[in-house]
Amino acid sequence: MLILYVEDNFENKLFVRRVIESMGHEMIEAENGPDSLALAAKRPPDLIFMDINIPGMDGLQTTVKFKEDSTLNHIPVIALTANAMKGDRERCLAAGCNGYMQKPVGVSDLRREIQRYMTKQQS
């Protein structure tokens, strides 16, 4: 499984990469919305983890762009964000995210989410 992680924080990318690779999957990464869209167009991932607070075009705007693109809109997008105020989950889902995970995320939660989408993909 190829997983795109859109994140501008080095430590977060390192942590998620370790989890993904320990499960035998490959991770590609982008630090902003436009780069993530270009990368996905060249190499479509099976799953996207999207930080909401990225520079420039934020993660919600980027998710909307993914969902508007007929070649990419089938890819599940999971918000992986520190935004944990009332209504943040709903805003992520309304933008087109298929799921919402609040940072800091634990190893077992991240593994469970990857496994969930891997299982859906195989069905």
PDB file of N, CA and C in Angstrom:
ATOM      1  N   MET A   1       0.846  -1.179   0.000  1.00  0.00           N
ATOM      2  CA  MET A   1       0.000   0.000   0.000  1.00  0.00           C
ATOM      3  C   MET A   1       0.890   1.240   0.000  1.00  0.00           C
ATOM      4  N   LEU A   2       0.533   2.209  -0.822  1.00  0.00           N
ATOM      5  CA  LEU A   2       1.244   3.479  -0.906  1.00  0.00           C
ATOM      6  C   LEU A   2       0.425   4.532  -0.168  1.00  0.00           C
ATOM      7  N   ILE A   3       1.058   5.199   0.798  1.00  0.00           N
ATOM      8  CA  ILE A   3       0.365   6.183   1.632  1.00  0.00           C
ATOM      9  C   ILE A   3       1.047   7.535   1.482  1.00  0.00           C
ATOM     10  N   LEU A   4       0.260   8.548   1.169  1.00  0.00           N
ATOM     11  CA  LEU A   4       0.745   9.922   1.087  1.00  0.00           C
ATOM     12  C   LEU A   4       0.447  10.606   2.410  1.00  0.00           C
ATOM     13  N   TYR A   5       1.476  11.228   2.992  1.00  0.00           N
ATOM     14  CA  TYR A   5       1.286  11.997   4.220  1.00  0.00           C
ATOM     15  C   TYR A   5       1.612  13.448   3.902  1.00  0.00           C
ATOM     16  N   VAL A   6       0.632  14.325   4.090  1.00  0.00           N
ATOM     17  CA  VAL A   6       0.797  15.753   3.844  1.00  0.00           C
ATOM     18  C   VAL A   6       0.990  16.412   5.202  1.00  0.00           C
ATOM     19  N   GLU A   7       2.223  16.847   5.462  1.00  0.00           N
ATOM     20  CA  GLU A   7       2.608  17.319   6.798  1.00  0.00           C
ATOM     21  C   GLU A   7       3.851  18.182   6.665  1.00  0.00           C
ATOM     22  N   ASP A   8       3.913  19.272   7.427  1.00  0.00           N
ATOM     23  CA  ASP A   8       5.083  20.138   7.376  1.00  0.00           C
ATOM     24  C   ASP A   8       5.982  20.003   8.603  1.00  0.00           C
ATOM     25  N   ASN A   9       5.628  19.169   9.557  1.00  0.00           N
ATOM     26  CA  ASN A   9       6.416  19.000  10.772  1.00  0.00           C
ATOM     27  C   ASN A   9       7.296  17.754  10.655  1.00  0.00           C
ATOM     28  N   PHE A  10       8.606  17.940  10.766  1.00  0.00           N
ATOM     29  CA  PHE A  10       9.566  16.854  10.579  1.00  0.00           C
ATOM     30  C   PHE A  10       9.333  15.690  11.547  1.00  0.00           C
ATOM     31  N   GLU A  11       9.125  15.993  12.828  1.00  0.00           N
ATOM     32  CA  GLU A  11       8.955  14.937  13.823  1.00  0.00           C
ATOM     33  C   GLU A  11       7.700  14.108  13.560  1.00  0.00           C
ATOM     34  N   ASN A  12       6.623  14.772  13.167  1.00  0.00           N
ATOM     35  CA  ASN A  12       5.391  14.046  12.851  1.00  0.00           C
ATOM     36  C   ASN A  12       5.595  13.133  11.647  1.00  0.00           C
ATOM     37  N   LYS A  13       6.287  13.648  10.614  1.00  0.00           N
ATOM     38  CA  LYS A  13       6.548  12.826   9.424  1.00  0.00           C
ATOM     39  C   LYS A  13       7.392  11.609   9.775  1.00  0.00           C
ATOM     40  N   LEU A  14       8.399  11.822  10.608  1.00  0.00           N
ATOM     41  CA  LEU A  14       9.278  10.719  11.003  1.00  0.00           C
ATOM     42  C   LEU A  14       8.500   9.643  11.754  1.00  0.00           C
ATOM     43  N   PHE A  15       7.659  10.056  12.695  1.00  0.00           N
ATOM     44  CA  PHE A  15       6.859   9.108  13.478  1.00  0.00           C
ATOM     45  C   PHE A  15       5.924   8.300  12.580  1.00  0.00           C
ATOM     46  N   VAL A  16       5.183   8.979  11.718  1.00  0.00           N
ATOM     47  CA  VAL A  16       4.222   8.303  10.849  1.00  0.00           C
ATOM     48  C   VAL A  16       4.956   7.386   9.869  1.00  0.00           C
ATOM     49  N   ARG A  17       6.083   7.841   9.333  1.00  0.00           N
ATOM     50  CA  ARG A  17       6.876   7.008   8.426  1.00  0.00           C
ATOM     51  C   ARG A  17       7.289   5.705   9.110  1.00  0.00           C
ATOM     52  N   ARG A  18       7.740   5.806  10.338  1.00  0.00           N
ATOM     53  CA  ARG A  18       8.174   4.598  11.066  1.00  0.00           C
ATOM     54  C   ARG A  18       7.031   3.605  11.218  1.00  0.00           C
ATOM     55  N   VAL A  19       5.863   4.106  11.544  1.00  0.00           N
ATOM     56  CA  VAL A  19       4.702   3.226  11.705  1.00  0.00           C
ATOM     57  C   VAL A  19       4.329   2.594  10.364  1.00  0.00           C
ATOM     58  N   ILE A  20       4.231   3.397   9.332  1.00  0.00           N
ATOM     59  CA  ILE A  20       3.830   2.911   8.013  1.00  0.00           C
ATOM     60  C   ILE A  20       4.821   1.863   7.498  1.00  0.00           C
ATOM     61  N   GLU A  21       6.096   2.185   7.580  1.00  0.00           N
ATOM     62  CA  GLU A  21       7.099   1.259   7.063  1.00  0.00           C
ATOM     63  C   GLU A  21       7.199  -0.010   7.910  1.00  0.00           C
ATOM     64  N   SER A  22       6.936   0.097   9.210  1.00  0.00           N
ATOM     65  CA  SER A  22       6.965  -1.099  10.059  1.00  0.00           C
ATOM     66  C   SER A  22       5.842  -2.071   9.699  1.00  0.00           C
ATOM     67  N   MET A  23       4.808  -1.541   9.037  1.00  0.00           N
ATOM     68  CA  MET A  23       3.694  -2.379   8.592  1.00  0.00           C
ATOM     69  C   MET A  23       3.922  -2.922   7.179  1.00  0.00           C
ATOM     70  N   GLY A  24       5.054  -2.563   6.579  1.00  0.00           N
ATOM     71  CA  GLY A  24       5.369  -3.042   5.245  1.00  0.00           C
ATOM     72  C   GLY A  24       4.818  -2.190   4.122  1.00  0.00           C
ATOM     73  N   HIS A  25       4.379  -0.984   4.437  1.00  0.00           N
ATOM     74  CA  HIS A  25       3.832  -0.087   3.423  1.00  0.00           C
ATOM     75  C   HIS A  25       4.873   0.966   3.062  1.00  0.00           C
ATOM     76  N   GLU A  26       4.603   1.688   1.987  1.00  0.00           N
ATOM     77  CA  GLU A  26       5.497   2.746   1.533  1.00  0.00           C
ATOM     78  C   GLU A  26       4.827   4.093   1.769  1.00  0.00           C
ATOM     79  N   MET A  27       5.630   5.085   2.203  1.00  0.00           N
ATOM     80  CA  MET A  27       5.104   6.423   2.428  1.00  0.00           C
ATOM     81  C   MET A  27       5.793   7.405   1.500  1.00  0.00           C
ATOM     82  N   ILE A  28       4.987   8.256   0.878  1.00  0.00           N
ATOM     83  CA  ILE A  28       5.502   9.408   0.160  1.00  0.00           C
ATOM     84  C   ILE A  28       4.973  10.629   0.893  1.00  0.00           C
ATOM     85  N   GLU A  29       5.659  11.747   0.768  1.00  0.00           N
ATOM     86  CA  GLU A  29       5.247  12.895   1.571  1.00  0.00           C
ATOM     87  C   GLU A  29       5.323  14.203   0.804  1.00  0.00           C
ATOM     88  N   ALA A  30       4.492  15.117   1.245  1.00  0.00           N
ATOM     89  CA  ALA A  30       4.476  16.483   0.731  1.00  0.00           C
ATOM     90  C   ALA A  30       4.262  17.406   1.922  1.00  0.00           C
ATOM     91  N   GLU A  31       4.784  18.623   1.803  1.00  0.00           N
ATOM     92  CA  GLU A  31       4.665  19.571   2.912  1.00  0.00           C
ATOM     93  C   GLU A  31       3.561  20.597   2.719  1.00  0.00           C
ATOM     94  N   ASN A  32       2.929  20.585   1.543  1.00  0.00           N
ATOM     95  CA  ASN A  32       1.866  21.560   1.302  1.00  0.00           C
ATOM     96  C   ASN A  32       0.862  20.995   0.306  1.00  0.00           C
ATOM     97  N   GLY A  33      -0.243  21.695   0.158  1.00  0.00           N
ATOM     98  CA  GLY A  33      -1.324  21.235  -0.695  1.00  0.00           C
ATOM     99  C   GLY A  33      -0.962  21.084  -2.162  1.00  0.00           C
ATOM    100  N   PRO A  34      -0.427  22.135  -2.795  1.00  0.00           N
ATOM    101  CA  PRO A  34      -0.104  22.012  -4.214  1.00  0.00           C
ATOM    102  C   PRO A  34       0.880  20.873  -4.515  1.00  0.00           C
ATOM    103  N   ASP A  35       1.899  20.718  -3.675  1.00  0.00           N
ATOM    104  CA  ASP A  35       2.865  19.632  -3.876  1.00  0.00           C
ATOM    105  C   ASP A  35       2.195  18.272  -3.718  1.00  0.00           C
ATOM    106  N   SER A  36       1.270  18.158  -2.779  1.00  0.00           N
ATOM    107  CA  SER A  36       0.595  16.870  -2.564  1.00  0.00           C
ATOM    108  C   SER A  36      -0.279  16.506  -3.763  1.00  0.00           C
ATOM    109  N   LEU A  37      -0.951  17.486  -4.331  1.00  0.00           N
ATOM    110  CA  LEU A  37      -1.787  17.241  -5.508  1.00  0.00           C
ATOM    111  C   LEU A  37      -0.938  16.813  -6.706  1.00  0.00           C
ATOM    112  N   ALA A  38       0.194  17.480  -6.901  1.00  0.00           N
ATOM    113  CA  ALA A  38       1.082  17.140  -8.009  1.00  0.00           C
ATOM    114  C   ALA A  38       1.680  15.750  -7.816  1.00  0.00           C
ATOM    115  N   LEU A  39       2.086  15.440  -6.600  1.00  0.00           N
ATOM    116  CA  LEU A  39       2.670  14.129  -6.305  1.00  0.00           C
ATOM    117  C   LEU A  39       1.647  13.014  -6.515  1.00  0.00           C
ATOM    118  N   ALA A  40       0.440  13.230  -6.038  1.00  0.00           N
ATOM    119  CA  ALA A  40      -0.614  12.217  -6.182  1.00  0.00           C
ATOM    120  C   ALA A  40      -1.001  12.017  -7.643  1.00  0.00           C
ATOM    121  N   ALA A  41      -0.942  13.076  -8.443  1.00  0.00           N
ATOM    122  CA  ALA A  41      -1.265  12.949  -9.859  1.00  0.00           C
ATOM    123  C   ALA A  41      -0.229  12.081 -10.575  1.00  0.00           C
ATOM    124  N   LYS A  42       1.031  12.180 -10.137  1.00  0.00           N
ATOM    125  CA  LYS A  42       2.110  11.384 -10.740  1.00  0.00           C
ATOM    126  C   LYS A  42       2.112   9.946 -10.224  1.00  0.00           C
ATOM    127  N   ARG A  43       1.801   9.817  -8.955  1.00  0.00           N
ATOM    128  CA  ARG A  43       1.891   8.509  -8.295  1.00  0.00           C
ATOM    129  C   ARG A  43       0.726   8.373  -7.316  1.00  0.00           C
ATOM    130  N   PRO A  44      -0.441   7.984  -7.804  1.00  0.00           N
ATOM    131  CA  PRO A  44      -1.633   7.951  -6.946  1.00  0.00           C
ATOM    132  C   PRO A  44      -1.475   7.015  -5.735  1.00  0.00           C
ATOM    133  N   PRO A  45      -1.667   7.557  -4.551  1.00  0.00           N
ATOM    134  CA  PRO A  45      -1.567   6.728  -3.353  1.00  0.00           C
ATOM    135  C   PRO A  45      -2.861   5.950  -3.112  1.00  0.00           C
ATOM    136  N   ASP A  46      -2.796   4.999  -2.211  1.00  0.00           N
ATOM    137  CA  ASP A  46      -3.968   4.219  -1.814  1.00  0.00           C
ATOM    138  C   ASP A  46      -4.703   4.878  -0.653  1.00  0.00           C
ATOM    139  N   LEU A  47      -3.995   5.742   0.081  1.00  0.00           N
ATOM    140  CA  LEU A  47      -4.529   6.386   1.279  1.00  0.00           C
ATOM    141  C   LEU A  47      -3.761   7.684   1.483  1.00  0.00           C
ATOM    142  N   ILE A  48      -4.450   8.707   1.996  1.00  0.00           N
ATOM    143  CA  ILE A  48      -3.813   9.992   2.280  1.00  0.00           C
ATOM    144  C   ILE A  48      -4.085  10.369   3.733  1.00  0.00           C
ATOM    145  N   PHE A  49      -3.015  10.700   4.457  1.00  0.00           N
ATOM    146  CA  PHE A  49      -3.148  11.321   5.772  1.00  0.00           C
ATOM    147  C   PHE A  49      -2.872  12.800   5.558  1.00  0.00           C
ATOM    148  N   MET A  50      -3.807  13.657   5.991  1.00  0.00           N
ATOM    149  CA  MET A  50      -3.754  15.082   5.698  1.00  0.00           C
ATOM    150  C   MET A  50      -3.711  15.902   6.983  1.00  0.00           C
ATOM    151  N   ASP A  51      -2.594  16.594   7.200  1.00  0.00           N
ATOM    152  CA  ASP A  51      -2.551  17.577   8.282  1.00  0.00           C
ATOM    153  C   ASP A  51      -3.401  18.756   7.822  1.00  0.00           C
ATOM    154  N   ILE A  52      -4.143  19.345   8.719  1.00  0.00           N
ATOM    155  CA  ILE A  52      -5.018  20.461   8.349  1.00  0.00           C
ATOM    156  C   ILE A  52      -4.267  21.785   8.373  1.00  0.00           C
ATOM    157  N   ASN A  53      -3.309  21.926   9.273  1.00  0.00           N
ATOM    158  CA  ASN A  53      -2.567  23.185   9.415  1.00  0.00           C
ATOM    159  C   ASN A  53      -1.250  23.136   8.642  1.00  0.00           C
ATOM    160  N   ILE A  54      -1.351  23.145   7.323  1.00  0.00           N
ATOM    161  CA  ILE A  54      -0.165  23.192   6.479  1.00  0.00           C
ATOM    162  C   ILE A  54      -0.092  24.572   5.848  1.00  0.00           C
ATOM    163  N   PRO A  55       1.109  25.006   5.441  1.00  0.00           N
ATOM    164  CA  PRO A  55       1.250  26.371   4.908  1.00  0.00           C
ATOM    165  C   PRO A  55       0.557  26.555   3.558  1.00  0.00           C
ATOM    166  N   GLY A  56       0.124  27.791   3.327  1.00  0.00           N
ATOM    167  CA  GLY A  56      -0.530  28.117   2.058  1.00  0.00           C
ATOM    168  C   GLY A  56      -1.934  27.564   2.020  1.00  0.00           C
ATOM    169  N   MET A  57      -2.192  26.711   1.047  1.00  0.00           N
ATOM    170  CA  MET A  57      -3.496  26.053   0.941  1.00  0.00           C
ATOM    171  C   MET A  57      -3.599  25.051   2.091  1.00  0.00           C
ATOM    172  N   ASP A  58      -4.520  25.268   3.025  1.00  0.00           N
ATOM    173  CA  ASP A  58      -4.591  24.379   4.188  1.00  0.00           C
ATOM    174  C   ASP A  58      -5.120  22.994   3.810  1.00  0.00           C
ATOM    175  N   GLY A  59      -5.107  22.104   4.771  1.00  0.00           N
ATOM    176  CA  GLY A  59      -5.509  20.727   4.515  1.00  0.00           C
ATOM    177  C   GLY A  59      -6.961  20.561   4.099  1.00  0.00           C
ATOM    178  N   LEU A  60      -7.838  21.421   4.575  1.00  0.00           N
ATOM    179  CA  LEU A  60      -9.247  21.340   4.168  1.00  0.00           C
ATOM    180  C   LEU A  60      -9.399  21.748   2.707  1.00  0.00           C
ATOM    181  N   GLN A  61      -8.752  22.845   2.318  1.00  0.00           N
ATOM    182  CA  GLN A  61      -8.795  23.287   0.918  1.00  0.00           C
ATOM    183  C   GLN A  61      -8.167  22.227   0.005  1.00  0.00           C
ATOM    184  N   THR A  62      -7.082  21.632   0.472  1.00  0.00           N
ATOM    185  CA  THR A  62      -6.408  20.597  -0.314  1.00  0.00           C
ATOM    186  C   THR A  62      -7.304  19.379  -0.483  1.00  0.00           C
ATOM    187  N   THR A  63      -7.989  18.995   0.585  1.00  0.00           N
ATOM    188  CA  THR A  63      -8.904  17.853   0.506  1.00  0.00           C
ATOM    189  C   THR A  63     -10.013  18.128  -0.501  1.00  0.00           C
ATOM    190  N   VAL A  64     -10.549  19.333  -0.484  1.00  0.00           N
ATOM    191  CA  VAL A  64     -11.585  19.704  -1.458  1.00  0.00           C
ATOM    192  C   VAL A  64     -11.037  19.533  -2.879  1.00  0.00           C
ATOM    193  N   LYS A  65      -9.805  19.956  -3.113  1.00  0.00           N
ATOM    194  CA  LYS A  65      -9.190  19.819  -4.447  1.00  0.00           C
ATOM    195  C   LYS A  65      -9.038  18.338  -4.823  1.00  0.00           C
ATOM    196  N   PHE A  66      -8.645  17.503  -3.873  1.00  0.00           N
ATOM    197  CA  PHE A  66      -8.540  16.064  -4.139  1.00  0.00           C
ATOM    198  C   PHE A  66      -9.903  15.501  -4.541  1.00  0.00           C
ATOM    199  N   LYS A  67     -10.934  15.896  -3.820  1.00  0.00           N
ATOM    200  CA  LYS A  67     -12.268  15.353  -4.061  1.00  0.00           C
ATOM    201  C   LYS A  67     -12.896  15.898  -5.346  1.00  0.00           C
ATOM    202  N   GLU A  68     -12.429  17.056  -5.822  1.00  0.00           N
ATOM    203  CA  GLU A  68     -12.920  17.611  -7.084  1.00  0.00           C
ATOM    204  C   GLU A  68     -12.253  16.965  -8.303  1.00  0.00           C
ATOM    205  N   ASP A  69     -11.118  16.311  -8.087  1.00  0.00           N
ATOM    206  CA  ASP A  69     -10.363  15.704  -9.182  1.00  0.00           C
ATOM    207  C   ASP A  69     -10.866  14.284  -9.433  1.00  0.00           C
ATOM    208  N   SER A  70     -11.444  14.061 -10.596  1.00  0.00           N
ATOM    209  CA  SER A  70     -12.060  12.754 -10.884  1.00  0.00           C
ATOM    210  C   SER A  70     -11.057  11.605 -10.889  1.00  0.00           C
ATOM    211  N   THR A  71      -9.781  11.903 -11.043  1.00  0.00           N
ATOM    212  CA  THR A  71      -8.783  10.833 -11.037  1.00  0.00           C
ATOM    213  C   THR A  71      -8.263  10.528  -9.631  1.00  0.00           C
ATOM    214  N   LEU A  72      -8.561  11.405  -8.678  1.00  0.00           N
ATOM    215  CA  LEU A  72      -8.051  11.234  -7.311  1.00  0.00           C
ATOM    216  C   LEU A  72      -9.145  11.123  -6.258  1.00  0.00           C
ATOM    217  N   ASN A  73     -10.399  11.419  -6.614  1.00  0.00           N
ATOM    218  CA  ASN A  73     -11.450  11.541  -5.595  1.00  0.00           C
ATOM    219  C   ASN A  73     -11.831  10.226  -4.921  1.00  0.00           C
ATOM    220  N   HIS A  74     -11.378   9.102  -5.448  1.00  0.00           N
ATOM    221  CA  HIS A  74     -11.668   7.806  -4.828  1.00  0.00           C
ATOM    222  C   HIS A  74     -10.717   7.477  -3.669  1.00  0.00           C
ATOM    223  N   ILE A  75      -9.634   8.246  -3.550  1.00  0.00           N
ATOM    224  CA  ILE A  75      -8.623   7.959  -2.527  1.00  0.00           C
ATOM    225  C   ILE A  75      -9.116   8.460  -1.173  1.00  0.00           C
ATOM    226  N   PRO A  76      -9.147   7.580  -0.165  1.00  0.00           N
ATOM    227  CA  PRO A  76      -9.572   8.033   1.164  1.00  0.00           C
ATOM    228  C   PRO A  76      -8.586   9.050   1.745  1.00  0.00           C
ATOM    229  N   VAL A  77      -9.122  10.109   2.321  1.00  0.00           N
ATOM    230  CA  VAL A  77      -8.327  11.147   2.974  1.00  0.00           C
ATOM    231  C   VAL A  77      -8.691  11.149   4.449  1.00  0.00           C
ATOM    232  N   ILE A  78      -7.677  10.971   5.288  1.00  0.00           N
ATOM    233  CA  ILE A  78      -7.870  10.974   6.734  1.00  0.00           C
ATOM    234  C   ILE A  78      -7.215  12.229   7.299  1.00  0.00           C
ATOM    235  N   ALA A  79      -8.005  13.065   7.956  1.00  0.00           N
ATOM    236  CA  ALA A  79      -7.445  14.231   8.636  1.00  0.00           C
ATOM    237  C   ALA A  79      -6.656  13.734   9.836  1.00  0.00           C
ATOM    238  N   LEU A  80      -5.409  14.154   9.910  1.00  0.00           N
ATOM    239  CA  LEU A  80      -4.537  13.814  11.041  1.00  0.00           C
ATOM    240  C   LEU A  80      -4.082  15.158  11.585  1.00  0.00           C
ATOM    241  N   THR A  81      -4.768  15.652  12.610  1.00  0.00           N
ATOM    242  CA  THR A  81      -4.634  17.062  12.972  1.00  0.00           C
ATOM    243  C   THR A  81      -4.667  17.319  14.470  1.00  0.00           C
ATOM    244  N   ALA A  82      -4.057  18.430  14.834  1.00  0.00           N
ATOM    245  CA  ALA A  82      -4.116  18.886  16.225  1.00  0.00           C
ATOM    246  C   ALA A  82      -5.388  19.694  16.481  1.00  0.00           C
ATOM    247  N   ASN A  83      -6.146  19.985  15.432  1.00  0.00           N
ATOM    248  CA  ASN A  83      -7.407  20.720  15.593  1.00  0.00           C
ATOM    249  C   ASN A  83      -8.402  19.827  16.328  1.00  0.00           C
ATOM    250  N   ALA A  84      -8.675  20.181  17.571  1.00  0.00           N
ATOM    251  CA  ALA A  84      -9.539  19.338  18.399  1.00  0.00           C
ATOM    252  C   ALA A  84     -10.643  20.123  19.094  1.00  0.00           C
ATOM    253  N   MET A  85     -10.984  21.251  18.514  1.00  0.00           N
ATOM    254  CA  MET A  85     -12.057  22.057  19.087  1.00  0.00           C
ATOM    255  C   MET A  85     -13.404  21.532  18.601  1.00  0.00           C
ATOM    256  N   LYS A  86     -14.446  21.936  19.296  1.00  0.00           N
ATOM    257  CA  LYS A  86     -15.792  21.529  18.902  1.00  0.00           C
ATOM    258  C   LYS A  86     -16.037  21.962  17.454  1.00  0.00           C
ATOM    259  N   GLY A  87     -16.484  21.030  16.635  1.00  0.00           N
ATOM    260  CA  GLY A  87     -16.778  21.314  15.247  1.00  0.00           C
ATOM    261  C   GLY A  87     -15.645  21.013  14.276  1.00  0.00           C
ATOM    262  N   ASP A  88     -14.417  20.785  14.777  1.00  0.00           N
ATOM    263  CA  ASP A  88     -13.296  20.525  13.874  1.00  0.00           C
ATOM    264  C   ASP A  88     -13.479  19.221  13.105  1.00  0.00           C
ATOM    265  N   ARG A  89     -13.929  18.191  13.782  1.00  0.00           N
ATOM    266  CA  ARG A  89     -14.158  16.903  13.111  1.00  0.00           C
ATOM    267  C   ARG A  89     -15.189  17.071  11.994  1.00  0.00           C
ATOM    268  N   GLU A  90     -16.268  17.775  12.305  1.00  0.00           N
ATOM    269  CA  GLU A  90     -17.341  17.989  11.334  1.00  0.00           C
ATOM    270  C   GLU A  90     -16.856  18.799  10.126  1.00  0.00           C
ATOM    271  N   ARG A  91     -15.992  19.809  10.372  1.00  0.00           N
ATOM    272  CA  ARG A  91     -15.439  20.601   9.273  1.00  0.00           C
ATOM    273  C   ARG A  91     -14.567  19.735   8.360  1.00  0.00           C
ATOM    274  N   CYS A  92     -13.798  18.834   8.956  1.00  0.00           N
ATOM    275  CA  CYS A  92     -12.949  17.931   8.164  1.00  0.00           C
ATOM    276  C   CYS A  92     -13.806  17.006   7.301  1.00  0.00           C
ATOM    277  N   LEU A  93     -14.834  16.448   7.896  1.00  0.00           N
ATOM    278  CA  LEU A  93     -15.711  15.544   7.144  1.00  0.00           C
ATOM    279  C   LEU A  93     -16.475  16.295   6.056  1.00  0.00           C
ATOM    280  N   ALA A  94     -16.894  17.519   6.355  1.00  0.00           N
ATOM    281  CA  ALA A  94     -17.619  18.323   5.370  1.00  0.00           C
ATOM    282  C   ALA A  94     -16.733  18.694   4.179  1.00  0.00           C
ATOM    283  N   ALA A  95     -15.418  18.816   4.411  1.00  0.00           N
ATOM    284  CA  ALA A  95     -14.485  19.132   3.321  1.00  0.00           C
ATOM    285  C   ALA A  95     -14.209  17.915   2.443  1.00  0.00           C
ATOM    286  N   GLY A  96     -14.638  16.733   2.908  1.00  0.00           N
ATOM    287  CA  GLY A  96     -14.441  15.524   2.107  1.00  0.00           C
ATOM    288  C   GLY A  96     -13.561  14.474   2.743  1.00  0.00           C
ATOM    289  N   CYS A  97     -13.041  14.757   3.929  1.00  0.00           N
ATOM    290  CA  CYS A  97     -12.223  13.750   4.607  1.00  0.00           C
ATOM    291  C   CYS A  97     -13.082  12.531   4.927  1.00  0.00           C
ATOM    292  N   ASN A  98     -12.496  11.366   4.784  1.00  0.00           N
ATOM    293  CA  ASN A  98     -13.191  10.117   5.090  1.00  0.00           C
ATOM    294  C   ASN A  98     -13.063   9.731   6.556  1.00  0.00           C
ATOM    295  N   GLY A  99     -12.123  10.342   7.237  1.00  0.00           N
ATOM    296  CA  GLY A  99     -11.905  10.048   8.645  1.00  0.00           C
ATOM    297  C   GLY A  99     -11.189  11.205   9.316  1.00  0.00           C
ATOM    298  N   TYR A 100     -11.086  11.125  10.639  1.00  0.00           N
ATOM    299  CA  TYR A 100     -10.512  12.207  11.446  1.00  0.00           C
ATOM    300  C   TYR A 100      -9.751  11.576  12.595  1.00  0.00           C
ATOM    301  N   MET A 101      -8.484  11.938  12.730  1.00  0.00           N
ATOM    302  CA  MET A 101      -7.675  11.475  13.852  1.00  0.00           C
ATOM    303  C   MET A 101      -7.035  12.690  14.512  1.00  0.00           C
ATOM    304  N   GLN A 102      -7.136  12.734  15.823  1.00  0.00           N
ATOM    305  CA  GLN A 102      -6.608  13.859  16.579  1.00  0.00           C
ATOM    306  C   GLN A 102      -5.178  13.574  17.025  1.00  0.00           C
ATOM    307  N   LYS A 103      -4.273  14.547  16.807  1.00  0.00           N
ATOM    308  CA  LYS A 103      -2.897  14.445  17.292  1.00  0.00           C
ATOM    309  C   LYS A 103      -2.870  14.827  18.763  1.00  0.00           C
ATOM    310  N   PRO A 104      -1.980  14.281  19.542  1.00  0.00           N
ATOM    311  CA  PRO A 104      -1.016  13.268  19.124  1.00  0.00           C
ATOM    312  C   PRO A 104      -1.704  11.913  18.965  1.00  0.00           C
ATOM    313  N   VAL A 105      -1.370  11.245  17.893  1.00  0.00           N
ATOM    314  CA  VAL A 105      -1.964   9.944  17.612  1.00  0.00           C
ATOM    315  C   VAL A 105      -1.001   8.868  18.108  1.00  0.00           C
ATOM    316  N   GLY A 106      -1.563   7.799  18.635  1.00  0.00           N
ATOM    317  CA  GLY A 106      -0.748   6.699  19.121  1.00  0.00           C
ATOM    318  C   GLY A 106      -0.460   5.696  18.019  1.00  0.00           C
ATOM    319  N   VAL A 107       0.568   4.904  18.236  1.00  0.00           N
ATOM    320  CA  VAL A 107       0.968   3.890  17.259  1.00  0.00           C
ATOM    321  C   VAL A 107      -0.182   2.937  16.958  1.00  0.00           C
ATOM    322  N   SER A 108      -0.848   2.439  17.991  1.00  0.00           N
ATOM    323  CA  SER A 108      -1.916   1.454  17.767  1.00  0.00           C
ATOM    324  C   SER A 108      -3.099   2.070  17.024  1.00  0.00           C
ATOM    325  N   ASP A 109      -3.431   3.330  17.309  1.00  0.00           N
ATOM    326  CA  ASP A 109      -4.531   3.994  16.594  1.00  0.00           C
ATOM    327  C   ASP A 109      -4.186   4.186  15.120  1.00  0.00           C
ATOM    328  N   LEU A 110      -2.959   4.584  14.851  1.00  0.00           N
ATOM    329  CA  LEU A 110      -2.538   4.793  13.473  1.00  0.00           C
ATOM    330  C   LEU A 110      -2.525   3.466  12.716  1.00  0.00           C
ATOM    331  N   ARG A 111      -2.010   2.435  13.330  1.00  0.00           N
ATOM    332  CA  ARG A 111      -2.001   1.106  12.708  1.00  0.00           C
ATOM    333  C   ARG A 111      -3.428   0.627  12.424  1.00  0.00           C
ATOM    334  N   ARG A 112      -4.310   0.835  13.372  1.00  0.00           N
ATOM    335  CA  ARG A 112      -5.704   0.406  13.220  1.00  0.00           C
ATOM    336  C   ARG A 112      -6.364   1.127  12.037  1.00  0.00           C
ATOM    337  N   GLU A 113      -6.094   2.416  11.910  1.00  0.00           N
ATOM    338  CA  GLU A 113      -6.696   3.195  10.814  1.00  0.00           C
ATOM    339  C   GLU A 113      -6.156   2.726   9.461  1.00  0.00           C
ATOM    340  N   ILE A 114      -4.863   2.493   9.376  1.00  0.00           N
ATOM    341  CA  ILE A 114      -4.270   1.994   8.128  1.00  0.00           C
ATOM    342  C   ILE A 114      -4.868   0.634   7.785  1.00  0.00           C
ATOM    343  N   GLN A 115      -4.957  -0.230   8.768  1.00  0.00           N
ATOM    344  CA  GLN A 115      -5.509  -1.574   8.551  1.00  0.00           C
ATOM    345  C   GLN A 115      -6.969  -1.499   8.090  1.00  0.00           C
ATOM    346  N   ARG A 116      -7.706  -0.585   8.666  1.00  0.00           N
ATOM    347  CA  ARG A 116      -9.121  -0.428   8.298  1.00  0.00           C
ATOM    348  C   ARG A 116      -9.267  -0.089   6.817  1.00  0.00           C
ATOM    349  N   TYR A 117      -8.449   0.839   6.333  1.00  0.00           N
ATOM    350  CA  TYR A 117      -8.542   1.232   4.931  1.00  0.00           C
ATOM    351  C   TYR A 117      -7.899   0.209   4.000  1.00  0.00           C
ATOM    352  N   MET A 118      -6.923  -0.506   4.500  1.00  0.00           N
ATOM    353  CA  MET A 118      -6.330  -1.584   3.718  1.00  0.00           C
ATOM    354  C   MET A 118      -7.356  -2.690   3.504  1.00  0.00           C
ATOM    355  N   THR A 119      -8.124  -3.002   4.528  1.00  0.00           N
ATOM    356  CA  THR A 119      -9.160  -4.022   4.448  1.00  0.00           C
ATOM    357  C   THR A 119     -10.255  -3.586   3.490  1.00  0.00           C
ATOM    358  N   LYS A 120     -10.671  -2.314   3.536  1.00  0.00           N
ATOM    359  CA  LYS A 120     -11.714  -1.806   2.632  1.00  0.00           C
ATOM    360  C   LYS A 120     -11.238  -1.889   1.185  1.00  0.00           C
ATOM    361  N   GLN A 121      -9.960  -1.619   0.977  1.00  0.00           N
ATOM    362  CA  GLN A 121      -9.403  -1.617  -0.370  1.00  0.00           C
ATOM    363  C   GLN A 121      -9.409  -3.041  -0.950  1.00  0.00           C
ATOM    364  N   GLN A 122      -9.200  -4.028  -0.112  1.00  0.00           N
ATOM    365  CA  GLN A 122      -9.133  -5.421  -0.572  1.00  0.00           C
ATOM    366  C   GLN A 122     -10.505  -6.017  -0.831  1.00  0.00           C
ATOM    367  N   SER A 123     -11.568  -5.383  -0.299  1.00  0.00           N
ATOM    368  CA  SER A 123     -12.905  -5.934  -0.492  1.00  0.00           C
ATOM    369  C   SER A 123     -13.480  -5.576  -1.833  1.00  0.00           C
TER     370      SER A 123
END
